[in-house]
Amino acid sequence: MKKEEERILSISHDLLSFVGLGEKASWTSTKLPIGQQKALEIALALATEPSLLMLDEPAAGLSEFEIDDLKKVIQKIKDKQRKQYRQNADSQCNYFSQFC
């Protein structure tokens, strides 16, 4: 396998695990329940490394259980973004502090 393909597979598996689908990486999307299909859609969107992720009625048609799972995924995204923002802010502060 080429290095680029290996990198893409690694990122894909990381994203699937991030949204709770790591064990189902070999499944076709049509075999997944609707809630997990929505999580897969989010993983696909995250693969593009967006600076802004807009979700249009992500819980439409989901059961309460599936909505709870989706909330957890969305919260993980928010937490990860906050952590990255803090790291970037700290890095920028460290850089600019050398001039003060």
C-alpha atoms as a PDB file:
ATOM      1  CA  MET A   1       0.000   0.000   0.000  1.00  0.00           C
ATOM      2  CA  LYS A   2       1.217   3.471  -0.756  1.00  0.00           C
ATOM      3  CA  LYS A   3       2.013   5.804   2.121  1.00  0.00           C
ATOM      4  CA  GLU A   4      -0.781   8.196   1.121  1.00  0.00           C
ATOM      5  CA  GLU A   5      -3.327   5.371   1.175  1.00  0.00           C
ATOM      6  CA  GLU A   6      -2.071   4.271   4.581  1.00  0.00           C
ATOM      7  CA  ARG A   7      -2.379   7.834   5.870  1.00  0.00           C
ATOM      8  CA  ILE A   8      -5.949   8.100   4.544  1.00  0.00           C
ATOM      9  CA  LEU A   9      -6.897   4.745   6.098  1.00  0.00           C
ATOM     10  CA  SER A  10      -5.418   5.819   9.420  1.00  0.00           C
ATOM     11  CA  ILE A  11      -7.319   9.109   9.400  1.00  0.00           C
ATOM     12  CA  SER A  12     -10.509   7.300   8.381  1.00  0.00           C
ATOM     13  CA  HIS A  13     -10.212   4.825  11.248  1.00  0.00           C
ATOM     14  CA  ASP A  14      -9.444   7.642  13.701  1.00  0.00           C
ATOM     15  CA  LEU A  15     -12.534   9.561  12.596  1.00  0.00           C
ATOM     16  CA  LEU A  16     -14.743   6.482  12.737  1.00  0.00           C
ATOM     17  CA  SER A  17     -13.503   5.780  16.268  1.00  0.00           C
ATOM     18  CA  PHE A  18     -14.024   9.426  17.205  1.00  0.00           C
ATOM     19  CA  VAL A  19     -17.732   9.221  16.285  1.00  0.00           C
ATOM     20  CA  GLY A  20     -18.145   5.790  17.893  1.00  0.00           C
ATOM     21  CA  LEU A  21     -18.044   3.637  14.767  1.00  0.00           C
ATOM     22  CA  GLY A  22     -14.556   2.170  15.054  1.00  0.00           C
ATOM     23  CA  GLU A  23     -15.793  -1.417  15.384  1.00  0.00           C
ATOM     24  CA  LYS A  24     -18.024  -1.000  12.344  1.00  0.00           C
ATOM     25  CA  ALA A  25     -15.363   0.242   9.932  1.00  0.00           C
ATOM     26  CA  SER A  26     -15.922  -2.732   7.628  1.00  0.00           C
ATOM     27  CA  TRP A  27     -19.697  -2.295   7.473  1.00  0.00           C
ATOM     28  CA  THR A  28     -21.409  -0.684   4.507  1.00  0.00           C
ATOM     29  CA  SER A  29     -23.255   2.492   5.436  1.00  0.00           C
ATOM     30  CA  THR A  30     -26.634   1.043   4.429  1.00  0.00           C
ATOM     31  CA  LYS A  31     -26.298  -1.636   7.137  1.00  0.00           C
ATOM     32  CA  LEU A  32     -25.935   0.996   9.882  1.00  0.00           C
ATOM     33  CA  PRO A  33     -28.936   2.233  11.875  1.00  0.00           C
ATOM     34  CA  ILE A  34     -29.987   5.808  11.006  1.00  0.00           C
ATOM     35  CA  GLY A  35     -28.318   7.289  14.095  1.00  0.00           C
ATOM     36  CA  GLN A  36     -25.003   5.720  13.164  1.00  0.00           C
ATOM     37  CA  GLN A  37     -25.451   6.835   9.550  1.00  0.00           C
ATOM     38  CA  LYS A  38     -25.718  10.393  10.840  1.00  0.00           C
ATOM     39  CA  ALA A  39     -22.538   9.892  12.899  1.00  0.00           C
ATOM     40  CA  LEU A  40     -20.864   8.611   9.719  1.00  0.00           C
ATOM     41  CA  GLU A  41     -21.984  11.762   7.882  1.00  0.00           C
ATOM     42  CA  ILE A  42     -20.340  13.843  10.605  1.00  0.00           C
ATOM     43  CA  ALA A  43     -17.132  11.805  10.288  1.00  0.00           C
ATOM     44  CA  LEU A  44     -17.149  12.427   6.534  1.00  0.00           C
ATOM     45  CA  ALA A  45     -17.591  16.149   7.130  1.00  0.00           C
ATOM     46  CA  LEU A  46     -14.757  16.169   9.697  1.00  0.00           C
ATOM     47  CA  ALA A  47     -12.468  14.462   7.169  1.00  0.00           C
ATOM     48  CA  THR A  48     -12.431  17.714   5.193  1.00  0.00           C
ATOM     49  CA  GLU A  49     -10.974  19.481   8.257  1.00  0.00           C
ATOM     50  CA  PRO A  50     -13.557  22.267   8.200  1.00  0.00           C
ATOM     51  CA  SER A  51     -12.999  25.516  10.045  1.00  0.00           C
ATOM     52  CA  LEU A  52     -16.764  25.636  10.617  1.00  0.00           C
ATOM     53  CA  LEU A  53     -19.082  22.634  10.858  1.00  0.00           C
ATOM     54  CA  MET A  54     -22.743  23.404  10.287  1.00  0.00           C
ATOM     55  CA  LEU A  55     -25.291  20.706  11.082  1.00  0.00           C
ATOM     56  CA  ASP A  56     -28.808  21.114   9.699  1.00  0.00           C
ATOM     57  CA  GLU A  57     -31.269  19.266  11.934  1.00  0.00           C
ATOM     58  CA  PRO A  58     -28.830  16.472  12.763  1.00  0.00           C
ATOM     59  CA  ALA A  59     -31.277  14.720  15.099  1.00  0.00           C
ATOM     60  CA  ALA A  60     -34.241  14.662  12.705  1.00  0.00           C
ATOM     61  CA  GLY A  61     -35.805  11.210  12.642  1.00  0.00           C
ATOM     62  CA  LEU A  62     -33.736   9.820  15.507  1.00  0.00           C
ATOM     63  CA  SER A  63     -34.965   8.032  18.612  1.00  0.00           C
ATOM     64  CA  GLU A  64     -34.194   9.492  22.040  1.00  0.00           C
ATOM     65  CA  PHE A  65     -31.385   6.949  22.460  1.00  0.00           C
ATOM     66  CA  GLU A  66     -29.870   7.904  19.100  1.00  0.00           C
ATOM     67  CA  ILE A  67     -30.216  11.600  19.946  1.00  0.00           C
ATOM     68  CA  ASP A  68     -28.256  11.017  23.172  1.00  0.00           C
ATOM     69  CA  ASP A  69     -25.492   9.290  21.195  1.00  0.00           C
ATOM     70  CA  LEU A  70     -25.427  12.137  18.676  1.00  0.00           C
ATOM     71  CA  LYS A  71     -25.223  14.713  21.481  1.00  0.00           C
ATOM     72  CA  LYS A  72     -22.139  12.898  22.793  1.00  0.00           C
ATOM     73  CA  VAL A  73     -20.482  13.060  19.373  1.00  0.00           C
ATOM     74  CA  ILE A  74     -21.267  16.762  19.012  1.00  0.00           C
ATOM     75  CA  GLN A  75     -19.951  17.433  22.534  1.00  0.00           C
ATOM     76  CA  LYS A  76     -16.707  15.586  21.673  1.00  0.00           C
ATOM     77  CA  ILE A  77     -16.319  17.831  18.628  1.00  0.00           C
ATOM     78  CA  LYS A  78     -16.876  20.934  20.753  1.00  0.00           C
ATOM     79  CA  ASP A  79     -14.400  19.735  23.389  1.00  0.00           C
ATOM     80  CA  LYS A  80     -11.769  18.952  20.757  1.00  0.00           C
ATOM     81  CA  GLN A  81     -12.209  22.370  19.146  1.00  0.00           C
ATOM     82  CA  ARG A  82     -11.893  24.117  22.518  1.00  0.00           C
ATOM     83  CA  LYS A  83      -8.686  22.205  23.247  1.00  0.00           C
ATOM     84  CA  GLN A  84      -7.245  23.099  19.838  1.00  0.00           C
ATOM     85  CA  TYR A  85      -8.247  26.737  20.302  1.00  0.00           C
ATOM     86  CA  ARG A  86      -6.530  26.869  23.702  1.00  0.00           C
ATOM     87  CA  GLN A  87      -3.396  25.237  22.290  1.00  0.00           C
ATOM     88  CA  ASN A  88      -3.312  27.730  19.418  1.00  0.00           C
ATOM     89  CA  ALA A  89      -3.888  30.647  21.778  1.00  0.00           C
ATOM     90  CA  ASP A  90      -1.139  29.429  24.116  1.00  0.00           C
ATOM     91  CA  SER A  91       1.225  29.011  21.189  1.00  0.00           C
ATOM     92  CA  GLN A  92       0.494  32.519  19.941  1.00  0.00           C
ATOM     93  CA  CYS A  93       0.941  33.987  23.427  1.00  0.00           C
ATOM     94  CA  ASN A  94       4.278  32.221  23.768  1.00  0.00           C
ATOM     95  CA  TYR A  95       5.389  33.559  20.402  1.00  0.00           C
ATOM     96  CA  PHE A  96       4.373  37.154  21.134  1.00  0.00           C
ATOM     97  CA  SER A  97       5.720  37.112  24.701  1.00  0.00           C
ATOM     98  CA  GLN A  98       9.247  37.067  23.308  1.00  0.00           C
ATOM     99  CA  PHE A  99       8.689  40.622  22.059  1.00  0.00           C
ATOM    100  CA  CYS A 100       7.453  41.987  25.390  1.00  0.00           C
END
